[in-house]
Amino acid sequence: MRKLIILAISLIALATLIASPFANAATVDASGAVTVTKGDIQGAMGWNNAQWDAAIGAPNGVAEVGKLITTGHGNTPVDVPGGWLTLNGQIVANYPSDEYFSSSFTNSENWGPFSTPVSSYWEGGIDTTVTPILNAQKKVTGYRVAAAPTADGYVYWTRHTTYTNPEYAGATYVYHATSRWPASVAGSGVTDVKVDGKPVTVAPAA
């Protein structure tokens, strides 16, 4: 009887390992690029090896699986007193400045000194590339996620702020302010890595 119980426990443990063999094991290298493994993707999607092979083997499957990986496009700028912004610890003036650019600052229609901000969000940041990693047998073992090259050496963030103005019957309008930052300040951009919307734990560079 004791042997049967031990055997049953062993079989349950084995079944558990078979059911969930994939642990998140994404890693980041010194350049900030992240390797998202096959296991990370299978774990997030609930795929076994057959389902992985089917997804990769589908028409344009390698690219479609890669599209499951998303990032946060880097840290967003942060306001500091005096009308300044910081990004990753570097401070730049709001305008004019070689490192801060926005045509909307010169358009009075976009100003809102007497209005109340209702909501605000950032758009832009660092674009990333997702490249499949192949082993010697040309099988996909994961994807490398890295910052994409910039066209002019700068990374752009635009903040869209919605205002209401009580002096004009509560009229609502949006103020667009774009800041630009040297790519060296913006960082790698590979933050908040997710697979199909599910967070992936990234181990720091050794």
N, C-alpha and C. Protein backbone atom coordinates (compact mmCIF):
# COMPACT_ATOMS: atom_id res chain seq x y z
N MET A 1 0.84 -1.21 0.00
CA MET A 1 0.00 0.00 0.00
C MET A 1 0.87 1.26 0.00
N ARG A 2 1.92 1.22 0.85
CA ARG A 2 2.82 2.37 0.93
C ARG A 2 3.49 2.62 -0.43
N LYS A 3 3.88 1.54 -1.11
CA LYS A 3 4.52 1.68 -2.42
C LYS A 3 3.56 2.30 -3.43
N LEU A 4 2.29 1.91 -3.34
CA LEU A 4 1.29 2.45 -4.26
C LEU A 4 1.10 3.94 -4.03
N ILE A 5 1.08 4.35 -2.76
CA ILE A 5 0.91 5.78 -2.45
C ILE A 5 2.09 6.58 -2.98
N ILE A 6 3.31 6.06 -2.74
CA ILE A 6 4.50 6.76 -3.24
C ILE A 6 4.48 6.84 -4.75
N LEU A 7 4.08 5.75 -5.42
CA LEU A 7 3.99 5.74 -6.88
C LEU A 7 2.98 6.75 -7.36
N ALA A 8 1.83 6.84 -6.67
CA ALA A 8 0.78 7.79 -7.06
C ALA A 8 1.27 9.22 -6.93
N ILE A 9 1.98 9.51 -5.82
CA ILE A 9 2.52 10.85 -5.61
C ILE A 9 3.53 11.19 -6.70
N SER A 10 4.38 10.22 -7.04
CA SER A 10 5.39 10.43 -8.08
C SER A 10 4.74 10.72 -9.43
N LEU A 11 3.67 10.00 -9.74
CA LEU A 11 2.97 10.21 -11.01
C LEU A 11 2.32 11.58 -11.05
N ILE A 12 1.75 12.03 -9.92
CA ILE A 12 1.14 13.36 -9.86
C ILE A 12 2.20 14.43 -10.08
N ALA A 13 3.35 14.27 -9.42
CA ALA A 13 4.43 15.25 -9.59
C ALA A 13 4.90 15.29 -11.03
N LEU A 14 5.04 14.12 -11.65
CA LEU A 14 5.46 14.05 -13.05
C LEU A 14 4.43 14.70 -13.95
N ALA A 15 3.16 14.47 -13.69
CA ALA A 15 2.10 15.07 -14.50
C ALA A 15 2.14 16.58 -14.38
N THR A 16 2.43 17.09 -13.18
CA THR A 16 2.53 18.53 -12.99
C THR A 16 3.66 19.12 -13.81
N LEU A 17 4.81 18.42 -13.80
CA LEU A 17 5.94 18.90 -14.59
C LEU A 17 5.63 18.91 -16.08
N ILE A 18 4.92 17.89 -16.53
CA ILE A 18 4.57 17.80 -17.95
C ILE A 18 3.58 18.90 -18.31
N ALA A 19 2.63 19.17 -17.41
CA ALA A 19 1.58 20.16 -17.70
C ALA A 19 2.14 21.57 -17.75
N SER A 20 3.14 21.87 -16.90
CA SER A 20 3.66 23.24 -16.87
C SER A 20 5.18 23.22 -16.84
N PRO A 21 5.82 22.83 -17.95
CA PRO A 21 7.27 22.68 -17.95
C PRO A 21 8.02 23.97 -18.21
N PHE A 22 7.31 25.07 -18.48
CA PHE A 22 7.98 26.26 -18.95
C PHE A 22 7.98 27.34 -17.88
N ALA A 23 9.14 27.81 -17.52
CA ALA A 23 9.26 28.93 -16.59
C ALA A 23 9.80 30.12 -17.36
N ASN A 24 9.37 31.32 -16.98
CA ASN A 24 9.88 32.52 -17.63
C ASN A 24 11.37 32.61 -17.38
N ALA A 25 12.14 32.74 -18.45
CA ALA A 25 13.59 32.76 -18.32
C ALA A 25 14.20 33.83 -19.21
N ALA A 26 13.47 34.89 -19.48
CA ALA A 26 13.98 35.97 -20.33
C ALA A 26 15.18 36.62 -19.65
N THR A 27 16.16 37.01 -20.45
CA THR A 27 17.37 37.63 -19.92
C THR A 27 17.68 38.90 -20.69
N VAL A 28 18.40 39.81 -20.04
CA VAL A 28 18.81 41.06 -20.68
C VAL A 28 20.33 41.10 -20.73
N ASP A 29 20.87 41.60 -21.86
CA ASP A 29 22.33 41.68 -21.96
C ASP A 29 22.80 43.09 -21.62
N ALA A 30 24.09 43.32 -21.72
CA ALA A 30 24.67 44.59 -21.30
C ALA A 30 24.17 45.77 -22.14
N SER A 31 23.72 45.51 -23.36
CA SER A 31 23.23 46.58 -24.23
C SER A 31 21.78 46.94 -23.96
N GLY A 32 21.11 46.15 -23.12
CA GLY A 32 19.70 46.39 -22.82
C GLY A 32 18.76 45.54 -23.64
N ALA A 33 19.29 44.75 -24.58
CA ALA A 33 18.43 43.87 -25.39
C ALA A 33 17.98 42.68 -24.55
N VAL A 34 16.75 42.26 -24.77
CA VAL A 34 16.17 41.16 -23.99
C VAL A 34 15.95 39.95 -24.90
N THR A 35 16.33 38.78 -24.40
CA THR A 35 16.04 37.53 -25.09
C THR A 35 14.81 36.91 -24.45
N VAL A 36 13.73 36.81 -25.23
CA VAL A 36 12.50 36.15 -24.79
C VAL A 36 12.54 34.73 -25.34
N THR A 37 12.53 33.75 -24.48
CA THR A 37 12.73 32.37 -24.92
C THR A 37 11.44 31.72 -25.40
N LYS A 38 11.62 30.61 -26.07
CA LYS A 38 10.49 29.77 -26.47
C LYS A 38 9.65 29.42 -25.23
N GLY A 39 10.32 29.09 -24.14
CA GLY A 39 9.61 28.75 -22.91
C GLY A 39 8.79 29.89 -22.36
N ASP A 40 9.30 31.14 -22.47
CA ASP A 40 8.54 32.31 -22.02
C ASP A 40 7.22 32.40 -22.79
N ILE A 41 7.34 32.21 -24.11
CA ILE A 41 6.15 32.35 -24.96
C ILE A 41 5.18 31.20 -24.72
N GLN A 42 5.70 29.99 -24.64
CA GLN A 42 4.82 28.85 -24.38
C GLN A 42 4.12 29.00 -23.03
N GLY A 43 4.86 29.46 -22.03
CA GLY A 43 4.26 29.64 -20.71
C GLY A 43 3.14 30.67 -20.72
N ALA A 44 3.36 31.79 -21.44
CA ALA A 44 2.34 32.84 -21.50
C ALA A 44 1.12 32.41 -22.30
N MET A 45 1.35 31.62 -23.37
CA MET A 45 0.27 31.22 -24.25
C MET A 45 -0.39 29.91 -23.83
N GLY A 46 0.26 29.17 -22.93
CA GLY A 46 -0.27 27.87 -22.54
C GLY A 46 -0.08 26.82 -23.62
N TRP A 47 0.96 26.97 -24.43
CA TRP A 47 1.21 26.06 -25.55
C TRP A 47 2.12 24.90 -25.11
N ASN A 48 1.83 23.71 -25.61
CA ASN A 48 2.79 22.63 -25.52
C ASN A 48 3.68 22.68 -26.77
N ASN A 49 4.60 21.73 -26.90
CA ASN A 49 5.52 21.76 -28.03
C ASN A 49 4.81 21.64 -29.38
N ALA A 50 3.77 20.81 -29.43
CA ALA A 50 3.03 20.65 -30.68
C ALA A 50 2.34 21.95 -31.08
N GLN A 51 1.78 22.65 -30.10
CA GLN A 51 1.11 23.92 -30.39
C GLN A 51 2.11 24.99 -30.80
N TRP A 52 3.29 24.97 -30.16
CA TRP A 52 4.35 25.90 -30.56
C TRP A 52 4.75 25.64 -32.01
N ASP A 53 4.99 24.39 -32.35
CA ASP A 53 5.39 24.05 -33.72
C ASP A 53 4.32 24.46 -34.73
N ALA A 54 3.06 24.29 -34.34
CA ALA A 54 1.97 24.66 -35.25
C ALA A 54 1.94 26.17 -35.46
N ALA A 55 2.14 26.93 -34.38
CA ALA A 55 2.11 28.39 -34.48
C ALA A 55 3.28 28.89 -35.32
N ILE A 56 4.47 28.35 -35.07
CA ILE A 56 5.66 28.77 -35.82
C ILE A 56 5.56 28.33 -37.27
N GLY A 57 4.99 27.16 -37.51
CA GLY A 57 4.91 26.60 -38.86
C GLY A 57 3.79 27.15 -39.71
N ALA A 58 2.90 27.94 -39.11
CA ALA A 58 1.80 28.53 -39.88
C ALA A 58 2.33 29.55 -40.87
N PRO A 59 1.55 29.89 -41.91
CA PRO A 59 1.99 30.93 -42.84
C PRO A 59 2.36 32.21 -42.10
N ASN A 60 3.56 32.69 -42.32
CA ASN A 60 4.07 33.88 -41.63
C ASN A 60 4.08 33.70 -40.12
N GLY A 61 4.16 32.43 -39.68
CA GLY A 61 4.05 32.12 -38.26
C GLY A 61 5.16 32.71 -37.41
N VAL A 62 6.40 32.71 -37.90
CA VAL A 62 7.51 33.23 -37.11
C VAL A 62 7.27 34.71 -36.79
N ALA A 63 6.83 35.47 -37.78
CA ALA A 63 6.56 36.89 -37.56
C ALA A 63 5.36 37.09 -36.65
N GLU A 64 4.32 36.29 -36.84
CA GLU A 64 3.10 36.44 -36.04
C GLU A 64 3.36 36.12 -34.56
N VAL A 65 4.15 35.10 -34.31
CA VAL A 65 4.49 34.79 -32.91
C VAL A 65 5.32 35.93 -32.33
N GLY A 66 6.22 36.50 -33.12
CA GLY A 66 7.01 37.64 -32.66
C GLY A 66 6.16 38.83 -32.28
N LYS A 67 5.03 39.01 -32.97
CA LYS A 67 4.14 40.14 -32.67
C LYS A 67 3.46 40.00 -31.32
N LEU A 68 3.51 38.81 -30.74
CA LEU A 68 2.94 38.63 -29.40
C LEU A 68 3.76 39.37 -28.34
N ILE A 69 5.01 39.68 -28.68
CA ILE A 69 5.92 40.34 -27.73
C ILE A 69 5.78 41.85 -27.85
N THR A 70 5.51 42.51 -26.74
CA THR A 70 5.41 43.97 -26.72
C THR A 70 6.28 44.53 -25.61
N THR A 71 6.59 45.82 -25.70
CA THR A 71 7.38 46.49 -24.67
C THR A 71 6.75 47.83 -24.33
N GLY A 72 7.28 48.48 -23.30
CA GLY A 72 6.75 49.77 -22.87
C GLY A 72 7.38 50.95 -23.57
N HIS A 73 8.29 50.73 -24.53
CA HIS A 73 8.93 51.79 -25.31
C HIS A 73 9.78 52.72 -24.46
N GLY A 74 10.26 52.24 -23.31
CA GLY A 74 11.14 53.06 -22.47
C GLY A 74 10.39 53.87 -21.44
N ASN A 75 11.14 54.49 -20.55
CA ASN A 75 10.53 55.33 -19.52
C ASN A 75 10.01 56.62 -20.12
N THR A 76 8.91 57.14 -19.58
CA THR A 76 8.36 58.41 -20.06
C THR A 76 8.97 59.56 -19.28
N PRO A 77 9.01 60.76 -19.88
CA PRO A 77 9.53 61.94 -19.17
C PRO A 77 8.70 62.24 -17.92
N VAL A 78 9.32 62.91 -16.98
CA VAL A 78 8.68 63.25 -15.70
C VAL A 78 8.79 64.75 -15.47
N ASP A 79 7.70 65.37 -15.04
CA ASP A 79 7.71 66.80 -14.74
C ASP A 79 8.47 67.10 -13.45
N VAL A 80 9.20 68.21 -13.44
CA VAL A 80 9.80 68.72 -12.21
C VAL A 80 9.43 70.20 -12.11
N PRO A 81 9.45 70.78 -10.92
CA PRO A 81 9.05 72.19 -10.76
C PRO A 81 9.84 73.12 -11.66
N GLY A 82 9.15 74.14 -12.15
CA GLY A 82 9.79 75.14 -13.00
C GLY A 82 9.57 74.93 -14.48
N GLY A 83 8.69 73.99 -14.84
CA GLY A 83 8.42 73.76 -16.25
C GLY A 83 9.48 72.94 -16.94
N TRP A 84 10.16 72.07 -16.21
CA TRP A 84 11.20 71.23 -16.78
C TRP A 84 10.73 69.79 -16.82
N LEU A 85 11.47 69.00 -17.59
CA LEU A 85 11.21 67.56 -17.66
C LEU A 85 12.51 66.80 -17.39
N THR A 86 12.37 65.61 -16.85
CA THR A 86 13.52 64.72 -16.72
C THR A 86 13.20 63.41 -17.42
N LEU A 87 14.25 62.80 -17.92
CA LEU A 87 14.13 61.46 -18.49
C LEU A 87 15.36 60.68 -18.08
N ASN A 88 15.12 59.60 -17.33
CA ASN A 88 16.23 58.78 -16.84
C ASN A 88 17.30 59.61 -16.14
N GLY A 89 16.83 60.62 -15.40
CA GLY A 89 17.75 61.41 -14.58
C GLY A 89 18.32 62.64 -15.25
N GLN A 90 18.13 62.81 -16.55
CA GLN A 90 18.64 64.01 -17.23
C GLN A 90 17.55 65.06 -17.32
N ILE A 91 17.90 66.30 -17.01
CA ILE A 91 16.94 67.39 -17.03
C ILE A 91 17.17 68.24 -18.27
N VAL A 92 16.07 68.63 -18.93
CA VAL A 92 16.14 69.58 -20.04
C VAL A 92 15.04 70.61 -19.86
N ALA A 93 15.26 71.82 -20.38
CA ALA A 93 14.27 72.88 -20.28
C ALA A 93 13.09 72.59 -21.19
N ASN A 94 11.94 73.24 -20.89
CA ASN A 94 10.77 72.94 -21.72
C ASN A 94 10.94 73.50 -23.13
N TYR A 95 11.30 74.77 -23.28
CA TYR A 95 11.59 75.30 -24.61
C TYR A 95 12.11 76.73 -24.44
N PRO A 96 12.88 77.33 -25.34
CA PRO A 96 13.49 76.59 -26.45
C PRO A 96 14.76 75.88 -25.99
N SER A 97 15.12 74.81 -26.61
CA SER A 97 16.31 74.06 -26.24
C SER A 97 16.66 73.13 -27.38
N ASP A 98 17.92 72.86 -27.53
CA ASP A 98 18.34 71.95 -28.58
C ASP A 98 17.81 70.55 -28.33
N GLU A 99 17.50 70.25 -27.05
CA GLU A 99 17.05 68.89 -26.71
C GLU A 99 15.57 68.85 -26.37
N TYR A 100 14.85 69.89 -26.73
CA TYR A 100 13.40 69.88 -26.49
C TYR A 100 12.74 70.60 -27.64
N PHE A 101 11.80 69.97 -28.29
CA PHE A 101 11.21 70.52 -29.49
C PHE A 101 9.71 70.35 -29.48
N SER A 102 8.98 71.40 -29.79
CA SER A 102 7.54 71.27 -29.96
C SER A 102 6.97 72.45 -30.70
N SER A 103 6.39 72.20 -31.88
CA SER A 103 5.77 73.29 -32.63
C SER A 103 4.53 73.79 -31.92
N SER A 104 3.92 72.96 -31.08
CA SER A 104 2.68 73.37 -30.43
C SER A 104 2.92 74.45 -29.38
N PHE A 105 4.16 74.59 -28.90
CA PHE A 105 4.43 75.65 -27.93
C PHE A 105 4.30 77.03 -28.58
N THR A 106 4.51 77.12 -29.88
CA THR A 106 4.46 78.40 -30.56
C THR A 106 3.09 78.70 -31.15
N ASN A 107 2.14 77.80 -30.94
CA ASN A 107 0.79 77.98 -31.46
C ASN A 107 -0.14 78.32 -30.30
N SER A 108 -0.58 79.58 -30.23
CA SER A 108 -1.38 80.02 -29.08
C SER A 108 -2.69 79.25 -28.94
N GLU A 109 -3.17 78.66 -30.03
CA GLU A 109 -4.41 77.90 -29.95
C GLU A 109 -4.25 76.67 -29.07
N ASN A 110 -3.02 76.26 -28.87
CA ASN A 110 -2.77 75.07 -28.07
C ASN A 110 -2.49 75.39 -26.60
N TRP A 111 -2.39 76.67 -26.25
CA TRP A 111 -2.07 77.03 -24.88
C TRP A 111 -3.30 76.83 -23.99
N GLY A 112 -3.06 76.52 -22.73
CA GLY A 112 -4.19 76.33 -21.81
C GLY A 112 -3.94 76.91 -20.44
N PRO A 113 -3.46 78.17 -20.31
CA PRO A 113 -3.12 78.72 -18.99
C PRO A 113 -4.32 78.90 -18.06
N PHE A 114 -5.51 79.06 -18.62
CA PHE A 114 -6.69 79.28 -17.78
C PHE A 114 -7.62 78.07 -17.80
N SER A 115 -7.13 76.98 -18.26
CA SER A 115 -7.97 75.80 -18.39
C SER A 115 -7.57 74.74 -17.36
N THR A 116 -8.46 73.78 -17.22
CA THR A 116 -8.24 72.70 -16.25
C THR A 116 -7.92 71.40 -16.99
N PRO A 117 -6.77 70.79 -16.70
CA PRO A 117 -6.46 69.51 -17.34
C PRO A 117 -7.39 68.41 -16.86
N VAL A 118 -7.91 67.64 -17.80
CA VAL A 118 -8.84 66.55 -17.47
C VAL A 118 -8.13 65.21 -17.52
N SER A 119 -7.31 65.01 -18.53
CA SER A 119 -6.58 63.75 -18.67
C SER A 119 -5.32 64.00 -19.49
N SER A 120 -4.37 63.08 -19.37
CA SER A 120 -3.11 63.24 -20.09
C SER A 120 -2.48 61.87 -20.31
N TYR A 121 -1.86 61.70 -21.47
CA TYR A 121 -1.13 60.46 -21.72
C TYR A 121 0.03 60.73 -22.67
N TRP A 122 1.03 59.84 -22.59
CA TRP A 122 2.21 59.95 -23.43
C TRP A 122 2.13 58.98 -24.61
N GLU A 123 2.73 59.41 -25.71
CA GLU A 123 2.78 58.56 -26.90
C GLU A 123 4.16 58.70 -27.54
N GLY A 124 4.67 57.61 -28.06
CA GLY A 124 5.97 57.68 -28.73
C GLY A 124 6.98 56.83 -28.02
N GLY A 125 8.19 57.38 -27.83
CA GLY A 125 9.24 56.64 -27.17
C GLY A 125 10.07 55.83 -28.14
N ILE A 126 10.72 54.83 -27.60
CA ILE A 126 11.68 54.04 -28.37
C ILE A 126 10.97 52.91 -29.09
N ASP A 127 11.19 52.83 -30.39
CA ASP A 127 10.69 51.67 -31.14
C ASP A 127 11.63 50.50 -30.88
N THR A 128 11.07 49.31 -30.92
CA THR A 128 11.89 48.12 -30.70
C THR A 128 11.76 47.16 -31.87
N THR A 129 12.80 46.37 -32.07
CA THR A 129 12.79 45.33 -33.09
C THR A 129 12.71 43.97 -32.40
N VAL A 130 11.97 43.06 -33.00
CA VAL A 130 11.83 41.70 -32.47
C VAL A 130 12.35 40.75 -33.55
N THR A 131 13.48 40.11 -33.25
CA THR A 131 14.17 39.27 -34.24
C THR A 131 14.21 37.83 -33.76
N PRO A 132 13.79 36.88 -34.60
CA PRO A 132 13.83 35.47 -34.18
C PRO A 132 15.26 34.98 -33.98
N ILE A 133 15.45 34.11 -33.00
CA ILE A 133 16.74 33.49 -32.72
C ILE A 133 16.66 32.04 -33.20
N LEU A 134 17.60 31.65 -34.06
CA LEU A 134 17.59 30.30 -34.63
C LEU A 134 18.76 29.49 -34.10
N ASN A 135 18.51 28.21 -33.87
CA ASN A 135 19.60 27.32 -33.47
C ASN A 135 20.25 26.71 -34.71
N ALA A 136 21.18 25.77 -34.52
CA ALA A 136 21.91 25.19 -35.64
C ALA A 136 20.99 24.45 -36.61
N GLN A 137 19.86 23.98 -36.12
CA GLN A 137 18.89 23.27 -36.97
C GLN A 137 17.87 24.22 -37.59
N LYS A 138 18.11 25.54 -37.46
CA LYS A 138 17.23 26.57 -38.00
C LYS A 138 15.86 26.57 -37.33
N LYS A 139 15.81 26.08 -36.10
CA LYS A 139 14.58 26.13 -35.33
C LYS A 139 14.55 27.40 -34.48
N VAL A 140 13.36 28.00 -34.35
CA VAL A 140 13.23 29.21 -33.54
C VAL A 140 13.27 28.82 -32.06
N THR A 141 14.23 29.40 -31.34
CA THR A 141 14.35 29.11 -29.90
C THR A 141 13.93 30.29 -29.04
N GLY A 142 13.62 31.41 -29.68
CA GLY A 142 13.21 32.60 -28.94
C GLY A 142 13.32 33.82 -29.83
N TYR A 143 13.24 35.00 -29.21
CA TYR A 143 13.31 36.25 -29.96
C TYR A 143 14.18 37.25 -29.21
N ARG A 144 14.94 38.03 -29.96
CA ARG A 144 15.75 39.11 -29.37
C ARG A 144 15.00 40.42 -29.55
N VAL A 145 14.77 41.11 -28.45
CA VAL A 145 14.05 42.37 -28.47
C VAL A 145 15.04 43.49 -28.15
N ALA A 146 15.21 44.43 -29.08
CA ALA A 146 16.21 45.47 -28.91
C ALA A 146 15.68 46.80 -29.41
N ALA A 147 16.33 47.88 -28.99
CA ALA A 147 15.95 49.21 -29.46
C ALA A 147 16.25 49.34 -30.94
N ALA A 148 15.29 49.90 -31.68
CA ALA A 148 15.50 50.12 -33.11
C ALA A 148 16.36 51.36 -33.32
N PRO A 149 17.17 51.38 -34.36
CA PRO A 149 17.97 52.59 -34.64
C PRO A 149 17.05 53.78 -34.89
N THR A 150 17.49 54.96 -34.47
CA THR A 150 16.70 56.17 -34.71
C THR A 150 17.19 56.86 -35.98
N ALA A 151 16.29 57.61 -36.61
CA ALA A 151 16.63 58.25 -37.88
C ALA A 151 17.59 59.42 -37.68
N ASP A 152 17.46 60.14 -36.55
CA ASP A 152 18.26 61.34 -36.34
C ASP A 152 19.01 61.36 -35.01
N GLY A 153 19.04 60.23 -34.32
CA GLY A 153 19.75 60.18 -33.05
C GLY A 153 18.93 60.63 -31.86
N TYR A 154 17.64 60.95 -32.11
CA TYR A 154 16.76 61.40 -31.03
C TYR A 154 15.57 60.45 -30.87
N VAL A 155 15.02 60.44 -29.67
CA VAL A 155 13.79 59.71 -29.36
C VAL A 155 12.74 60.75 -28.98
N TYR A 156 11.53 60.61 -29.53
CA TYR A 156 10.48 61.61 -29.32
C TYR A 156 9.35 61.06 -28.45
N TRP A 157 8.94 61.89 -27.49
CA TRP A 157 7.76 61.59 -26.67
C TRP A 157 6.78 62.75 -26.83
N THR A 158 5.50 62.44 -27.07
CA THR A 158 4.47 63.46 -27.17
C THR A 158 3.44 63.26 -26.06
N ARG A 159 3.17 64.33 -25.32
CA ARG A 159 2.14 64.26 -24.29
C ARG A 159 0.88 64.94 -24.80
N HIS A 160 -0.21 64.21 -24.76
CA HIS A 160 -1.52 64.73 -25.19
C HIS A 160 -2.33 65.02 -23.92
N THR A 161 -2.65 66.28 -23.69
CA THR A 161 -3.40 66.67 -22.50
C THR A 161 -4.74 67.28 -22.90
N THR A 162 -5.81 66.75 -22.36
CA THR A 162 -7.15 67.27 -22.62
C THR A 162 -7.51 68.30 -21.56
N TYR A 163 -7.96 69.47 -22.01
CA TYR A 163 -8.34 70.56 -21.11
C TYR A 163 -9.81 70.92 -21.28
N THR A 164 -10.39 71.49 -20.24
CA THR A 164 -11.68 72.17 -20.35
C THR A 164 -11.47 73.60 -19.92
N ASN A 165 -12.18 74.52 -20.56
CA ASN A 165 -12.04 75.94 -20.25
C ASN A 165 -13.40 76.51 -19.82
N PRO A 166 -13.58 76.80 -18.53
CA PRO A 166 -14.86 77.30 -18.05
C PRO A 166 -15.24 78.66 -18.62
N GLU A 167 -14.23 79.42 -19.10
CA GLU A 167 -14.52 80.73 -19.66
C GLU A 167 -15.16 80.64 -21.04
N TYR A 168 -15.11 79.46 -21.63
CA TYR A 168 -15.69 79.26 -22.96
C TYR A 168 -16.68 78.11 -22.93
N ALA A 169 -17.61 78.20 -21.99
CA ALA A 169 -18.70 77.22 -21.86
C ALA A 169 -18.17 75.80 -21.73
N GLY A 170 -17.04 75.67 -21.05
CA GLY A 170 -16.50 74.33 -20.83
C GLY A 170 -15.94 73.68 -22.08
N ALA A 171 -15.51 74.48 -23.04
CA ALA A 171 -14.96 73.92 -24.28
C ALA A 171 -13.80 72.98 -23.95
N THR A 172 -13.72 71.89 -24.69
CA THR A 172 -12.67 70.89 -24.47
C THR A 172 -11.74 70.86 -25.68
N TYR A 173 -10.46 70.84 -25.41
CA TYR A 173 -9.50 70.72 -26.50
C TYR A 173 -8.27 70.00 -25.99
N VAL A 174 -7.39 69.61 -26.92
CA VAL A 174 -6.21 68.82 -26.58
C VAL A 174 -4.95 69.60 -26.91
N TYR A 175 -4.03 69.59 -25.98
CA TYR A 175 -2.74 70.26 -26.13
C TYR A 175 -1.67 69.19 -26.37
N HIS A 176 -0.94 69.31 -27.48
CA HIS A 176 0.08 68.32 -27.84
C HIS A 176 1.46 68.93 -27.63
N ALA A 177 2.27 68.31 -26.81
CA ALA A 177 3.62 68.81 -26.56
C ALA A 177 4.61 67.68 -26.78
N THR A 178 5.55 67.89 -27.70
CA THR A 178 6.52 66.86 -28.06
C THR A 178 7.90 67.22 -27.53
N SER A 179 8.51 66.29 -26.84
CA SER A 179 9.89 66.49 -26.38
C SER A 179 10.79 65.51 -27.13
N ARG A 180 12.01 65.94 -27.36
CA ARG A 180 12.96 65.03 -28.02
C ARG A 180 14.18 64.88 -27.13
N TRP A 181 14.72 63.66 -27.15
CA TRP A 181 15.81 63.32 -26.25
C TRP A 181 16.88 62.54 -27.01
N PRO A 182 18.15 62.77 -26.69
CA PRO A 182 19.19 61.95 -27.32
C PRO A 182 18.96 60.48 -27.03
N ALA A 183 19.20 59.65 -28.03
CA ALA A 183 18.97 58.21 -27.86
C ALA A 183 19.78 57.65 -26.69
N SER A 184 20.95 58.25 -26.44
CA SER A 184 21.79 57.78 -25.34
C SER A 184 21.14 58.02 -23.98
N VAL A 185 20.28 59.04 -23.91
CA VAL A 185 19.58 59.35 -22.66
C VAL A 185 18.32 58.48 -22.53
N ALA A 186 17.66 58.23 -23.65
CA ALA A 186 16.39 57.49 -23.62
C ALA A 186 16.56 56.05 -23.18
N GLY A 187 17.74 55.47 -23.40
CA GLY A 187 17.98 54.10 -22.95
C GLY A 187 17.63 53.07 -24.01
N SER A 188 17.55 51.81 -23.57
CA SER A 188 17.34 50.71 -24.52
C SER A 188 15.90 50.61 -24.98
N GLY A 189 14.97 51.08 -24.16
CA GLY A 189 13.55 51.01 -24.54
C GLY A 189 12.88 49.69 -24.27
N VAL A 190 13.66 48.68 -23.90
CA VAL A 190 13.08 47.36 -23.69
C VAL A 190 12.64 47.24 -22.23
N THR A 191 11.49 47.83 -21.95
CA THR A 191 10.91 47.81 -20.61
C THR A 191 9.51 47.23 -20.67
N ASP A 192 9.02 46.75 -19.55
CA ASP A 192 7.66 46.23 -19.45
C ASP A 192 7.40 45.19 -20.54
N VAL A 193 8.27 44.20 -20.63
CA VAL A 193 8.16 43.17 -21.66
C VAL A 193 6.97 42.26 -21.36
N LYS A 194 6.15 42.04 -22.39
CA LYS A 194 4.97 41.19 -22.24
C LYS A 194 4.83 40.25 -23.43
N VAL A 195 4.19 39.11 -23.19
CA VAL A 195 3.81 38.19 -24.26
C VAL A 195 2.31 38.06 -24.22
N ASP A 196 1.66 38.50 -25.29
CA ASP A 196 0.19 38.48 -25.35
C ASP A 196 -0.41 39.19 -24.14
N GLY A 197 0.21 40.29 -23.74
CA GLY A 197 -0.30 41.08 -22.63
C GLY A 197 0.07 40.58 -21.25
N LYS A 198 0.79 39.47 -21.18
CA LYS A 198 1.17 38.89 -19.88
C LYS A 198 2.62 39.25 -19.57
N PRO A 199 2.89 39.81 -18.39
CA PRO A 199 4.26 40.24 -18.05
C PRO A 199 5.24 39.06 -18.08
N VAL A 200 6.43 39.36 -18.55
CA VAL A 200 7.52 38.39 -18.58
C VAL A 200 8.61 38.87 -17.61
N THR A 201 9.01 38.03 -16.72
CA THR A 201 10.09 38.35 -15.80
C THR A 201 11.42 38.33 -16.53
N VAL A 202 12.17 39.42 -16.43
CA VAL A 202 13.45 39.53 -17.13
C VAL A 202 14.57 39.52 -16.11
N ALA A 203 15.46 38.57 -16.22
CA ALA A 203 16.61 38.50 -15.32
C ALA A 203 17.62 39.58 -15.71
N PRO A 204 18.21 40.29 -14.73
CA PRO A 204 19.17 41.35 -15.05
C PRO A 204 20.44 40.80 -15.69
N ALA A 205 21.17 41.69 -16.35
CA ALA A 205 22.43 41.28 -16.98
C ALA A 205 23.41 40.83 -15.91
N ALA A 206 24.16 39.80 -16.21
CA ALA A 206 25.13 39.26 -15.25
C ALA A 206 26.28 40.23 -15.06
